[in-house]
Amino acid sequence: MSNFEDLSREGVARDELGPQSVRMAPPAKGIIGPAELDDLREHVGEARVRTKELVALYVATSARANAALARHREATAAQEEARTALSSCVARYATLLRALGEPPERTLVLIKSAFNEAAPRQDDDHRAALEDVVKWIVEAYYAA
């Protein structure tokens, strides 16, 4: 009687062999038995379910992150556009006040007053924007 490896080398197809045609070799070291195989199959099923759950979670979080990044890019562009417009307008206002003969102190008070009427809330964003406005006023007033 031949073993399966011998028959395979001779070109005999597995389907052509009867149930008694192949002598079973004893399990080699590292080969698992039927109980361990059933346990592995169970773990494979669990791993598949968990993989599907995590794929769904990853796809959903990626979609949310991409949407948030898109909104952030849009907000950043809008912020930069508003900043540029404000800088230009403040510079024009300072230049006009200087042309009318207003001293720098009065120009600063007038523009800061307009700023505080438009943005009365006092927080870090307010202070940062006011610092920018003051810088633009001074630059525009003395550039004229």
Protein backbone atom coordinates (compact mmCIF):
# COMPACT_ATOMS: atom_id res chain seq x y z
CA MET A 1 0.00 0.00 0.00
CA SER A 2 1.30 3.49 -0.89
CA ASN A 3 0.94 6.65 1.05
CA PHE A 4 -0.63 9.81 -0.40
CA GLU A 5 2.65 11.56 -1.19
CA ASP A 6 3.80 8.58 -3.28
CA LEU A 7 0.51 8.52 -5.16
CA SER A 8 0.61 12.28 -5.73
CA ARG A 9 4.05 12.01 -7.24
CA GLU A 10 2.82 9.26 -9.53
CA GLY A 11 0.02 11.51 -10.80
CA VAL A 12 -2.95 9.77 -9.19
CA ALA A 13 -5.72 12.19 -8.42
CA ARG A 14 -7.14 12.28 -4.94
CA ASP A 15 -10.68 11.59 -6.18
CA GLU A 16 -9.55 8.37 -7.82
CA LEU A 17 -8.42 6.92 -4.53
CA GLY A 18 -10.78 4.84 -2.47
CA PRO A 19 -11.12 5.30 1.27
CA GLN A 20 -8.59 2.53 1.94
CA SER A 21 -6.12 3.55 -0.79
CA VAL A 22 -4.12 6.01 1.31
CA ARG A 23 -2.37 4.95 4.44
CA MET A 24 -2.66 7.64 7.12
CA ALA A 25 0.69 8.59 8.62
CA PRO A 26 0.76 9.28 12.35
CA PRO A 27 0.28 12.99 13.17
CA ALA A 28 3.56 14.86 12.98
CA LYS A 29 4.67 17.18 15.73
CA GLY A 30 2.80 20.50 15.40
CA ILE A 31 -0.25 19.07 13.63
CA ILE A 32 -3.45 19.69 15.49
CA GLY A 33 -6.14 17.19 16.34
CA PRO A 34 -9.89 17.34 15.69
CA ALA A 35 -10.70 19.02 19.03
CA GLU A 36 -8.14 21.74 18.47
CA LEU A 37 -9.37 22.16 14.90
CA ASP A 38 -12.95 22.70 16.12
CA ASP A 39 -11.65 25.24 18.65
CA LEU A 40 -9.76 27.09 15.91
CA ARG A 41 -12.85 27.14 13.69
CA GLU A 42 -14.83 28.68 16.55
CA HIS A 43 -12.13 31.33 17.06
CA VAL A 44 -12.02 32.02 13.33
CA GLY A 45 -15.76 32.70 13.39
CA GLU A 46 -15.40 35.02 16.38
CA ALA A 47 -12.48 36.79 14.71
CA ARG A 48 -14.54 37.25 11.54
CA VAL A 49 -17.43 38.81 13.46
CA ARG A 50 -15.07 41.12 15.37
CA THR A 51 -13.28 42.04 12.13
CA LYS A 52 -16.60 43.01 10.55
CA GLU A 53 -17.51 45.11 13.60
CA LEU A 54 -14.17 46.91 13.52
CA VAL A 55 -14.34 47.46 9.76
CA ALA A 56 -17.73 49.12 10.19
CA LEU A 57 -16.41 51.22 13.08
CA TYR A 58 -13.31 52.24 11.13
CA VAL A 59 -15.26 53.17 8.01
CA ALA A 60 -17.74 55.21 10.07
CA THR A 61 -15.05 57.04 12.04
CA SER A 62 -13.05 57.68 8.87
CA ALA A 63 -16.11 59.16 7.19
CA ARG A 64 -16.76 61.41 10.22
CA ALA A 65 -13.11 62.46 10.36
CA ASN A 66 -13.04 63.24 6.64
CA ALA A 67 -16.24 65.28 6.94
CA ALA A 68 -14.81 67.15 9.95
CA LEU A 69 -11.60 67.86 8.05
CA ALA A 70 -13.60 69.19 5.09
CA ARG A 71 -15.60 71.45 7.41
CA HIS A 72 -12.36 72.57 9.05
CA ARG A 73 -10.82 73.44 5.68
CA GLU A 74 -13.93 75.41 4.72
CA ALA A 75 -13.98 77.23 8.07
CA THR A 76 -10.28 78.02 7.81
CA ALA A 77 -10.74 79.44 4.31
CA ALA A 78 -13.72 81.51 5.48
CA GLN A 79 -11.73 82.73 8.50
CA GLU A 80 -8.81 83.77 6.31
CA GLU A 81 -11.15 85.55 3.92
CA ALA A 82 -12.80 87.43 6.81
CA ARG A 83 -9.39 88.30 8.29
CA THR A 84 -8.16 89.70 4.98
CA ALA A 85 -11.34 91.74 4.52
CA LEU A 86 -11.15 93.08 8.10
CA SER A 87 -7.49 93.99 7.72
CA SER A 88 -8.22 95.93 4.53
CA CYS A 89 -11.24 97.66 6.02
CA VAL A 90 -9.42 98.65 9.24
CA ALA A 91 -6.52 100.00 7.19
CA ARG A 92 -8.91 102.04 5.06
CA TYR A 93 -10.73 103.34 8.15
CA ALA A 94 -7.43 104.35 9.81
CA THR A 95 -6.24 106.03 6.62
CA LEU A 96 -9.52 107.98 6.28
CA LEU A 97 -9.41 109.10 9.92
CA ARG A 98 -5.83 110.29 9.47
CA ALA A 99 -6.83 112.16 6.29
CA LEU A 100 -9.55 113.87 8.35
CA GLY A 101 -6.88 114.99 10.81
CA GLU A 102 -7.64 112.60 13.65
CA PRO A 103 -4.58 111.98 15.85
CA PRO A 104 -3.36 108.39 16.26
CA GLU A 105 -4.78 108.09 19.79
CA ARG A 106 -8.25 109.16 18.68
CA THR A 107 -8.07 106.88 15.62
CA LEU A 108 -7.21 103.96 17.88
CA VAL A 109 -10.08 104.77 20.27
CA LEU A 110 -12.61 105.09 17.40
CA ILE A 111 -11.66 101.80 15.78
CA LYS A 112 -11.45 99.92 19.11
CA SER A 113 -14.87 101.30 20.00
CA ALA A 114 -16.33 99.97 16.74
CA PHE A 115 -14.63 96.63 17.42
CA ASN A 116 -16.07 96.35 20.94
CA GLU A 117 -19.57 97.23 19.70
CA ALA A 118 -19.36 94.45 17.11
CA ALA A 119 -17.69 91.91 19.43
CA PRO A 120 -18.59 92.75 23.05
CA ARG A 121 -17.68 89.33 24.48
CA GLN A 122 -14.31 89.29 26.21
CA ASP A 123 -12.43 86.03 25.63
CA ASP A 124 -9.15 84.81 24.14
CA ASP A 125 -10.44 84.98 20.57
CA HIS A 126 -11.66 88.53 21.16
CA ARG A 127 -8.31 89.63 22.58
CA ALA A 128 -6.34 87.99 19.76
CA ALA A 129 -8.52 89.65 17.12
CA LEU A 130 -8.26 93.03 18.89
CA GLU A 131 -4.45 92.72 18.95
CA ASP A 132 -4.49 92.15 15.19
CA VAL A 133 -6.80 95.11 14.63
CA VAL A 134 -4.60 97.42 16.74
CA LYS A 135 -1.54 96.28 14.78
CA TRP A 136 -3.31 96.95 11.47
CA ILE A 137 -4.46 100.38 12.67
CA VAL A 138 -0.95 101.45 13.64
CA GLU A 139 0.58 100.10 10.43
CA ALA A 140 -2.03 101.76 8.22
CA TYR A 141 -2.02 105.07 10.12
CA TYR A 142 1.73 105.51 9.88
CA ALA A 143 1.99 104.11 6.36
CA ALA A 144 -0.25 106.88 5.00
